[in-house]
N, C-alpha and C. Protein backbone atom coordinates (compact mmCIF):
# COMPACT_ATOMS: atom_id res chain seq x y z
N MET A 1 -14.44 -11.83 0.21
CA MET A 1 -14.64 -10.65 1.04
C MET A 1 -13.75 -9.50 0.54
N THR A 2 -12.53 -9.84 0.17
CA THR A 2 -11.62 -8.79 -0.30
C THR A 2 -12.08 -8.20 -1.62
N LYS A 3 -12.65 -9.03 -2.50
CA LYS A 3 -13.16 -8.51 -3.77
C LYS A 3 -14.24 -7.47 -3.55
N ARG A 4 -15.12 -7.72 -2.57
CA ARG A 4 -16.19 -6.76 -2.29
C ARG A 4 -15.62 -5.48 -1.69
N ILE A 5 -14.70 -5.62 -0.74
CA ILE A 5 -14.16 -4.44 -0.07
C ILE A 5 -13.32 -3.60 -1.04
N CYS A 6 -12.55 -4.26 -1.88
CA CYS A 6 -11.67 -3.55 -2.83
C CYS A 6 -12.38 -3.18 -4.12
N LYS A 7 -13.64 -3.56 -4.23
CA LYS A 7 -14.50 -3.21 -5.37
C LYS A 7 -13.87 -3.57 -6.71
N GLY A 8 -13.33 -4.79 -6.80
CA GLY A 8 -12.80 -5.29 -8.06
C GLY A 8 -11.46 -4.72 -8.47
N SER A 9 -10.76 -4.05 -7.58
CA SER A 9 -9.47 -3.47 -7.91
C SER A 9 -8.47 -4.57 -8.28
N ARG A 10 -7.47 -4.20 -9.07
CA ARG A 10 -6.45 -5.19 -9.41
C ARG A 10 -5.55 -5.52 -8.22
N GLU A 11 -5.69 -4.76 -7.14
CA GLU A 11 -4.93 -5.01 -5.92
C GLU A 11 -5.57 -6.07 -5.02
N THR A 12 -6.75 -6.55 -5.37
CA THR A 12 -7.52 -7.44 -4.51
C THR A 12 -6.69 -8.57 -3.93
N GLU A 13 -6.02 -9.32 -4.79
CA GLU A 13 -5.24 -10.46 -4.31
C GLU A 13 -4.09 -10.03 -3.41
N ASP A 14 -3.42 -8.94 -3.77
CA ASP A 14 -2.30 -8.46 -2.97
C ASP A 14 -2.76 -8.07 -1.57
N VAL A 15 -3.87 -7.35 -1.50
CA VAL A 15 -4.41 -6.93 -0.20
C VAL A 15 -4.80 -8.16 0.62
N ALA A 16 -5.46 -9.12 -0.03
CA ALA A 16 -5.88 -10.34 0.67
C ALA A 16 -4.67 -11.08 1.24
N HIS A 17 -3.66 -11.28 0.42
CA HIS A 17 -2.46 -12.00 0.89
C HIS A 17 -1.77 -11.25 2.02
N TYR A 18 -1.66 -9.93 1.88
CA TYR A 18 -1.03 -9.12 2.91
C TYR A 18 -1.79 -9.24 4.23
N CYS A 19 -3.12 -9.10 4.18
CA CYS A 19 -3.93 -9.13 5.40
C CYS A 19 -3.92 -10.51 6.05
N ILE A 20 -3.98 -11.55 5.24
CA ILE A 20 -3.94 -12.91 5.81
C ILE A 20 -2.61 -13.14 6.51
N GLN A 21 -1.53 -12.71 5.88
CA GLN A 21 -0.21 -12.87 6.49
C GLN A 21 -0.14 -12.09 7.80
N GLN A 22 -0.62 -10.85 7.79
CA GLN A 22 -0.58 -10.04 9.01
C GLN A 22 -1.45 -10.64 10.11
N PHE A 23 -2.61 -11.17 9.73
CA PHE A 23 -3.49 -11.79 10.71
C PHE A 23 -2.83 -13.03 11.32
N MET A 24 -2.21 -13.85 10.47
CA MET A 24 -1.56 -15.08 10.96
C MET A 24 -0.44 -14.76 11.95
N GLU A 25 0.22 -13.64 11.77
CA GLU A 25 1.32 -13.25 12.65
C GLU A 25 0.86 -12.40 13.84
N HIS A 26 -0.40 -12.04 13.87
CA HIS A 26 -0.93 -11.17 14.92
C HIS A 26 -0.96 -11.92 16.25
N LYS A 27 -0.61 -11.23 17.32
CA LYS A 27 -0.54 -11.88 18.64
C LYS A 27 -1.90 -12.32 19.17
N ARG A 28 -2.99 -11.72 18.70
CA ARG A 28 -4.32 -12.07 19.19
C ARG A 28 -5.09 -12.96 18.21
N ALA A 29 -4.43 -13.48 17.18
CA ALA A 29 -5.12 -14.25 16.13
C ALA A 29 -5.90 -15.43 16.71
N GLU A 30 -5.26 -16.23 17.54
CA GLU A 30 -5.94 -17.40 18.11
C GLU A 30 -7.12 -16.99 18.98
N GLU A 31 -6.92 -15.97 19.77
CA GLU A 31 -7.99 -15.48 20.64
C GLU A 31 -9.20 -15.03 19.82
N LEU A 32 -8.97 -14.31 18.72
CA LEU A 32 -10.05 -13.85 17.86
C LEU A 32 -10.77 -15.01 17.19
N VAL A 33 -10.05 -16.04 16.79
CA VAL A 33 -10.67 -17.22 16.19
C VAL A 33 -11.56 -17.91 17.22
N GLU A 34 -11.07 -18.06 18.44
CA GLU A 34 -11.84 -18.72 19.50
C GLU A 34 -13.11 -17.94 19.85
N LYS A 35 -13.06 -16.62 19.77
CA LYS A 35 -14.21 -15.79 20.08
C LYS A 35 -15.13 -15.60 18.87
N ASN A 36 -14.82 -16.22 17.74
CA ASN A 36 -15.58 -16.07 16.49
C ASN A 36 -15.62 -14.61 16.01
N GLU A 37 -14.53 -13.88 16.23
CA GLU A 37 -14.45 -12.49 15.79
C GLU A 37 -13.37 -12.30 14.72
N ALA A 38 -12.80 -13.39 14.23
CA ALA A 38 -11.69 -13.31 13.28
C ALA A 38 -12.12 -12.66 11.96
N MET A 39 -13.27 -13.04 11.43
CA MET A 39 -13.71 -12.50 10.14
C MET A 39 -14.00 -11.00 10.25
N LYS A 40 -14.59 -10.59 11.35
CA LYS A 40 -14.86 -9.17 11.56
C LYS A 40 -13.54 -8.39 11.63
N PHE A 41 -12.59 -8.93 12.38
CA PHE A 41 -11.28 -8.31 12.51
C PHE A 41 -10.58 -8.25 11.16
N LEU A 42 -10.60 -9.36 10.42
CA LEU A 42 -9.95 -9.44 9.11
C LEU A 42 -10.59 -8.48 8.11
N SER A 43 -11.92 -8.37 8.13
CA SER A 43 -12.57 -7.44 7.20
C SER A 43 -12.17 -6.00 7.51
N GLY A 44 -12.00 -5.67 8.77
CA GLY A 44 -11.52 -4.34 9.15
C GLY A 44 -10.10 -4.11 8.67
N MET A 45 -9.26 -5.13 8.79
CA MET A 45 -7.88 -5.03 8.30
C MET A 45 -7.87 -4.77 6.79
N ILE A 46 -8.69 -5.52 6.08
CA ILE A 46 -8.73 -5.38 4.62
C ILE A 46 -9.20 -3.98 4.25
N HIS A 47 -10.26 -3.53 4.90
CA HIS A 47 -10.81 -2.20 4.60
C HIS A 47 -9.78 -1.11 4.87
N ARG A 48 -9.15 -1.14 6.04
CA ARG A 48 -8.15 -0.13 6.37
C ARG A 48 -6.94 -0.21 5.44
N SER A 49 -6.50 -1.42 5.13
CA SER A 49 -5.33 -1.58 4.26
C SER A 49 -5.57 -0.99 2.88
N PHE A 50 -6.76 -1.24 2.35
CA PHE A 50 -7.06 -0.79 0.99
C PHE A 50 -7.43 0.69 0.92
N HIS A 51 -8.22 1.19 1.87
CA HIS A 51 -8.77 2.53 1.75
C HIS A 51 -7.95 3.60 2.46
N SER A 52 -7.07 3.24 3.37
CA SER A 52 -6.34 4.24 4.14
C SER A 52 -4.99 4.56 3.51
N ALA A 53 -4.70 5.83 3.40
CA ALA A 53 -3.40 6.26 2.87
C ALA A 53 -2.31 6.20 3.93
N THR A 54 -2.68 5.87 5.17
CA THR A 54 -1.68 5.77 6.22
C THR A 54 -1.49 4.34 6.72
N SER A 55 -2.14 3.39 6.06
CA SER A 55 -2.03 2.00 6.50
C SER A 55 -0.64 1.45 6.17
N PRO A 56 -0.18 0.45 6.94
CA PRO A 56 1.11 -0.18 6.62
C PRO A 56 1.15 -0.73 5.19
N TYR A 57 0.05 -1.30 4.73
CA TYR A 57 0.00 -1.82 3.35
C TYR A 57 0.28 -0.69 2.36
N HIS A 58 -0.38 0.44 2.56
CA HIS A 58 -0.20 1.57 1.66
C HIS A 58 1.25 2.04 1.66
N LYS A 59 1.84 2.13 2.85
CA LYS A 59 3.22 2.61 2.95
C LYS A 59 4.21 1.65 2.32
N ILE A 60 3.93 0.37 2.40
CA ILE A 60 4.86 -0.64 1.87
C ILE A 60 4.70 -0.83 0.38
N TYR A 61 3.46 -0.93 -0.12
CA TYR A 61 3.24 -1.36 -1.50
C TYR A 61 2.75 -0.31 -2.47
N ARG A 62 2.50 0.89 -2.01
CA ARG A 62 2.11 1.95 -2.93
C ARG A 62 3.16 3.03 -2.86
N GLN A 63 3.37 3.69 -3.97
CA GLN A 63 4.40 4.71 -4.02
C GLN A 63 3.90 5.84 -4.90
N SER A 64 3.74 7.00 -4.32
CA SER A 64 3.24 8.18 -5.05
C SER A 64 1.97 7.86 -5.84
N GLY A 65 1.06 7.10 -5.24
CA GLY A 65 -0.20 6.77 -5.89
C GLY A 65 -0.10 5.66 -6.91
N ARG A 66 1.08 5.11 -7.13
CA ARG A 66 1.26 4.05 -8.12
C ARG A 66 1.15 2.71 -7.42
N VAL A 67 0.38 1.80 -7.97
CA VAL A 67 0.16 0.50 -7.36
C VAL A 67 1.27 -0.45 -7.78
N HIS A 68 1.81 -1.17 -6.80
CA HIS A 68 2.83 -2.18 -7.07
C HIS A 68 2.28 -3.52 -6.61
N GLU A 69 2.41 -4.51 -7.43
CA GLU A 69 1.99 -5.84 -7.02
C GLU A 69 3.06 -6.43 -6.11
N LEU A 70 2.64 -7.36 -5.23
CA LEU A 70 3.61 -8.00 -4.35
C LEU A 70 4.64 -8.77 -5.16
N TYR A 71 4.21 -9.40 -6.23
CA TYR A 71 5.13 -10.12 -7.10
C TYR A 71 4.78 -9.79 -8.53
N ASP A 72 5.67 -9.16 -9.22
CA ASP A 72 5.44 -8.79 -10.60
C ASP A 72 6.05 -9.85 -11.50
N LYS A 73 5.20 -10.64 -12.12
CA LYS A 73 5.65 -11.78 -12.92
C LYS A 73 6.44 -11.35 -14.15
N THR A 74 6.22 -10.14 -14.63
CA THR A 74 6.90 -9.69 -15.84
C THR A 74 8.15 -8.86 -15.53
N LEU A 75 8.49 -8.69 -14.27
CA LEU A 75 9.60 -7.83 -13.89
C LEU A 75 10.91 -8.30 -14.51
N ALA A 76 11.23 -9.57 -14.40
CA ALA A 76 12.49 -10.08 -14.95
C ALA A 76 12.55 -9.84 -16.45
N HIS A 77 11.44 -10.07 -17.15
CA HIS A 77 11.38 -9.86 -18.59
C HIS A 77 11.60 -8.38 -18.92
N ARG A 78 10.95 -7.50 -18.17
CA ARG A 78 11.07 -6.07 -18.45
C ARG A 78 12.47 -5.55 -18.15
N GLN A 79 13.13 -6.08 -17.11
CA GLN A 79 14.47 -5.61 -16.78
C GLN A 79 15.43 -5.88 -17.93
N VAL A 80 15.32 -7.01 -18.56
CA VAL A 80 16.19 -7.33 -19.68
C VAL A 80 15.88 -6.41 -20.85
N GLU A 81 14.61 -6.21 -21.15
CA GLU A 81 14.22 -5.36 -22.28
C GLU A 81 14.54 -3.90 -22.03
N ASP A 82 14.34 -3.40 -20.82
CA ASP A 82 14.45 -1.99 -20.52
C ASP A 82 15.88 -1.53 -20.22
N TYR A 83 16.85 -2.42 -20.17
CA TYR A 83 18.21 -2.01 -19.88
C TYR A 83 18.72 -1.09 -20.98
N ASP A 84 19.22 0.05 -20.57
CA ASP A 84 19.73 1.03 -21.51
C ASP A 84 21.18 1.32 -21.16
N GLN A 85 22.09 0.92 -22.03
CA GLN A 85 23.52 1.06 -21.77
C GLN A 85 23.90 2.54 -21.66
N ASP A 86 23.29 3.40 -22.47
CA ASP A 86 23.61 4.83 -22.42
C ASP A 86 23.26 5.42 -21.06
N THR A 87 22.10 5.03 -20.53
CA THR A 87 21.70 5.51 -19.21
C THR A 87 22.68 5.02 -18.15
N ASP A 88 23.07 3.77 -18.25
CA ASP A 88 24.02 3.20 -17.31
C ASP A 88 25.35 3.95 -17.36
N LEU A 89 25.83 4.26 -18.55
CA LEU A 89 27.08 5.00 -18.71
C LEU A 89 26.96 6.42 -18.16
N THR A 90 25.79 7.04 -18.36
CA THR A 90 25.57 8.38 -17.83
C THR A 90 25.58 8.37 -16.31
N ILE A 91 24.95 7.37 -15.73
CA ILE A 91 24.94 7.26 -14.26
C ILE A 91 26.36 7.09 -13.73
N GLU A 92 27.13 6.25 -14.39
CA GLU A 92 28.53 6.07 -13.98
C GLU A 92 29.31 7.36 -14.11
N ALA A 93 29.07 8.12 -15.17
CA ALA A 93 29.75 9.40 -15.37
C ALA A 93 29.38 10.39 -14.26
N ILE A 94 28.11 10.41 -13.89
CA ILE A 94 27.66 11.31 -12.81
C ILE A 94 28.31 10.91 -11.50
N GLN A 95 28.37 9.62 -11.22
CA GLN A 95 29.02 9.16 -9.99
C GLN A 95 30.50 9.57 -9.98
N GLY A 96 31.15 9.44 -11.15
CA GLY A 96 32.55 9.86 -11.26
C GLY A 96 32.70 11.36 -11.04
N LEU A 97 31.80 12.15 -11.61
CA LEU A 97 31.83 13.60 -11.41
C LEU A 97 31.68 13.96 -9.94
N LEU A 98 30.77 13.28 -9.27
CA LEU A 98 30.57 13.55 -7.84
C LEU A 98 31.84 13.25 -7.05
N GLU A 99 32.53 12.17 -7.42
CA GLU A 99 33.80 11.84 -6.75
C GLU A 99 34.85 12.92 -7.02
N GLU A 100 34.89 13.41 -8.26
CA GLU A 100 35.82 14.50 -8.61
C GLU A 100 35.49 15.74 -7.79
N MET A 101 34.21 16.05 -7.69
CA MET A 101 33.79 17.24 -6.94
C MET A 101 34.19 17.15 -5.48
N LEU A 102 34.12 15.95 -4.91
CA LEU A 102 34.50 15.78 -3.51
C LEU A 102 35.97 16.12 -3.28
N ALA A 103 36.79 15.96 -4.31
CA ALA A 103 38.23 16.21 -4.18
C ALA A 103 38.65 17.60 -4.65
N GLU A 104 37.75 18.36 -5.29
CA GLU A 104 38.11 19.64 -5.90
C GLU A 104 38.26 20.80 -4.93
N GLY A 105 37.62 20.78 -3.85
CA GLY A 105 37.70 21.90 -2.93
C GLY A 105 36.47 21.92 -2.03
N VAL A 106 36.48 22.82 -1.08
CA VAL A 106 35.43 22.88 -0.07
C VAL A 106 34.06 23.16 -0.70
N ASP A 107 34.00 24.13 -1.63
CA ASP A 107 32.71 24.48 -2.24
C ASP A 107 32.13 23.31 -3.02
N GLN A 108 32.93 22.67 -3.86
CA GLN A 108 32.45 21.54 -4.64
C GLN A 108 32.14 20.35 -3.73
N TRP A 109 32.96 20.15 -2.71
CA TRP A 109 32.71 19.07 -1.75
C TRP A 109 31.34 19.28 -1.10
N PHE A 110 31.06 20.52 -0.68
CA PHE A 110 29.80 20.86 -0.04
C PHE A 110 28.62 20.56 -0.96
N ARG A 111 28.73 21.01 -2.21
CA ARG A 111 27.65 20.78 -3.17
C ARG A 111 27.44 19.28 -3.44
N ALA A 112 28.54 18.57 -3.66
CA ALA A 112 28.45 17.14 -3.96
C ALA A 112 27.89 16.36 -2.78
N THR A 113 28.31 16.71 -1.59
CA THR A 113 27.83 16.00 -0.40
C THR A 113 26.33 16.23 -0.21
N LEU A 114 25.88 17.48 -0.33
CA LEU A 114 24.45 17.76 -0.19
C LEU A 114 23.65 17.12 -1.32
N PHE A 115 24.21 17.10 -2.53
CA PHE A 115 23.51 16.47 -3.65
C PHE A 115 23.33 14.98 -3.38
N LYS A 116 24.36 14.31 -2.89
CA LYS A 116 24.25 12.88 -2.57
C LYS A 116 23.21 12.65 -1.48
N MET A 117 23.19 13.52 -0.48
CA MET A 117 22.19 13.40 0.58
C MET A 117 20.79 13.62 0.01
N TRP A 118 20.66 14.58 -0.90
CA TRP A 118 19.38 14.89 -1.53
C TRP A 118 18.88 13.72 -2.36
N LEU A 119 19.80 12.96 -2.98
CA LEU A 119 19.38 11.79 -3.75
C LEU A 119 18.69 10.76 -2.86
N ASN A 120 19.12 10.66 -1.61
CA ASN A 120 18.52 9.71 -0.66
C ASN A 120 17.30 10.28 0.04
N GLU A 121 17.27 11.59 0.23
CA GLU A 121 16.14 12.24 0.91
C GLU A 121 15.86 13.55 0.19
N SER A 122 14.88 13.55 -0.71
CA SER A 122 14.65 14.72 -1.56
C SER A 122 13.82 15.82 -0.89
N ASN A 123 13.56 15.68 0.38
CA ASN A 123 12.80 16.69 1.12
C ASN A 123 13.79 17.67 1.76
N TYR A 124 13.81 18.90 1.24
CA TYR A 124 14.76 19.90 1.75
C TYR A 124 14.56 20.18 3.24
N SER A 125 13.33 20.19 3.69
CA SER A 125 13.07 20.47 5.11
C SER A 125 13.66 19.37 5.99
N GLU A 126 13.51 18.13 5.57
CA GLU A 126 14.07 17.01 6.34
C GLU A 126 15.59 17.09 6.35
N LEU A 127 16.18 17.39 5.21
CA LEU A 127 17.65 17.53 5.15
C LEU A 127 18.11 18.66 6.06
N SER A 128 17.34 19.73 6.09
CA SER A 128 17.67 20.86 6.94
C SER A 128 17.64 20.46 8.42
N ARG A 129 16.64 19.68 8.80
CA ARG A 129 16.56 19.21 10.19
C ARG A 129 17.75 18.32 10.54
N VAL A 130 18.13 17.47 9.62
CA VAL A 130 19.23 16.52 9.88
C VAL A 130 20.58 17.22 9.92
N THR A 131 20.80 18.13 8.96
CA THR A 131 22.13 18.75 8.82
C THR A 131 22.28 20.07 9.57
N LYS A 132 21.16 20.66 9.99
CA LYS A 132 21.16 22.00 10.61
C LYS A 132 21.63 23.08 9.64
N ILE A 133 21.48 22.82 8.34
CA ILE A 133 21.80 23.78 7.29
C ILE A 133 20.47 24.34 6.78
N PRO A 134 20.38 25.65 6.57
CA PRO A 134 19.11 26.24 6.09
C PRO A 134 18.63 25.60 4.78
N ARG A 135 17.32 25.47 4.66
CA ARG A 135 16.69 24.87 3.47
C ARG A 135 17.13 25.55 2.18
N THR A 136 17.16 26.87 2.19
CA THR A 136 17.51 27.60 0.98
C THR A 136 18.95 27.32 0.56
N THR A 137 19.84 27.17 1.53
CA THR A 137 21.24 26.85 1.23
C THR A 137 21.34 25.48 0.60
N ILE A 138 20.60 24.53 1.15
CA ILE A 138 20.60 23.18 0.60
C ILE A 138 20.05 23.18 -0.81
N SER A 139 18.91 23.83 -1.04
CA SER A 139 18.30 23.83 -2.37
C SER A 139 19.22 24.51 -3.38
N GLN A 140 19.89 25.58 -2.97
CA GLN A 140 20.81 26.28 -3.88
C GLN A 140 22.01 25.39 -4.21
N ALA A 141 22.56 24.70 -3.22
CA ALA A 141 23.71 23.81 -3.45
C ALA A 141 23.33 22.66 -4.38
N VAL A 142 22.15 22.10 -4.20
CA VAL A 142 21.69 21.00 -5.06
C VAL A 142 21.49 21.52 -6.48
N LYS A 143 20.89 22.69 -6.61
CA LYS A 143 20.67 23.28 -7.94
C LYS A 143 22.01 23.52 -8.63
N GLU A 144 22.98 24.09 -7.91
CA GLU A 144 24.29 24.37 -8.50
C GLU A 144 25.00 23.07 -8.89
N CYS A 145 24.87 22.05 -8.08
CA CYS A 145 25.49 20.76 -8.38
C CYS A 145 24.87 20.15 -9.64
N ARG A 146 23.56 20.20 -9.73
CA ARG A 146 22.88 19.66 -10.92
C ARG A 146 23.32 20.40 -12.18
N GLU A 147 23.40 21.73 -12.07
CA GLU A 147 23.84 22.52 -13.23
C GLU A 147 25.28 22.18 -13.61
N TYR A 148 26.15 22.04 -12.62
CA TYR A 148 27.54 21.70 -12.87
C TYR A 148 27.65 20.33 -13.55
N ILE A 149 26.91 19.36 -13.04
CA ILE A 149 26.92 18.01 -13.63
C ILE A 149 26.44 18.08 -15.08
N HIS A 150 25.33 18.78 -15.30
CA HIS A 150 24.76 18.90 -16.64
C HIS A 150 25.77 19.53 -17.61
N GLN A 151 26.38 20.65 -17.19
CA GLN A 151 27.34 21.34 -18.05
C GLN A 151 28.58 20.49 -18.32
N THR A 152 29.10 19.82 -17.31
CA THR A 152 30.30 19.01 -17.46
C THR A 152 30.03 17.82 -18.37
N LEU A 153 28.87 17.18 -18.20
CA LEU A 153 28.53 16.06 -19.09
C LEU A 153 28.42 16.53 -20.53
N LYS A 154 27.82 17.70 -20.72
CA LYS A 154 27.67 18.25 -22.07
C LYS A 154 29.04 18.55 -22.68
N GLN A 155 29.95 19.14 -21.88
CA GLN A 155 31.29 19.44 -22.37
C GLN A 155 32.05 18.18 -22.75
N ARG A 156 31.83 17.11 -22.01
CA ARG A 156 32.54 15.86 -22.27
C ARG A 156 31.83 14.99 -23.30
N GLY A 157 30.70 15.48 -23.81
CA GLY A 157 29.97 14.75 -24.85
C GLY A 157 29.28 13.49 -24.37
N ILE A 158 28.92 13.45 -23.11
CA ILE A 158 28.30 12.25 -22.53
C ILE A 158 26.78 12.35 -22.57
N GLU A 159 26.24 13.52 -22.48
CA GLU A 159 24.80 13.68 -22.35
C GLU A 159 24.08 13.53 -23.66
């Protein structure tokens, strides 16, 4: 049933497993089985999970239109191959710079703090709602922080 609904997508198995798990945990599962409505209910779950951009499946397993499998068998292999020591060192240097900025003064502290918040929530409007700081101020502080980090890394020969 999932193959037909998902029209041969490579997500077919993931959607099927997700929906079966959700159905098994559903509070009305037994009632639906007794009424012979389980397959109808399950097919609706599968259809909504696969085709809706607001479904829980979509929110959990898709990211910016990119499909993620529930279990990626090659992930461990790729992590070993894709490790880049230079990138790791650059990330550590950036983290160190942010710590330095926090201790340098109010202006640098402000920029570093907003930059760290932006790394966790890249939506300026959401940050503005949370912090009560205007969007333009946040975007300018993040831009200045990025430029400072870029210039400092270049001066130190890290980039």
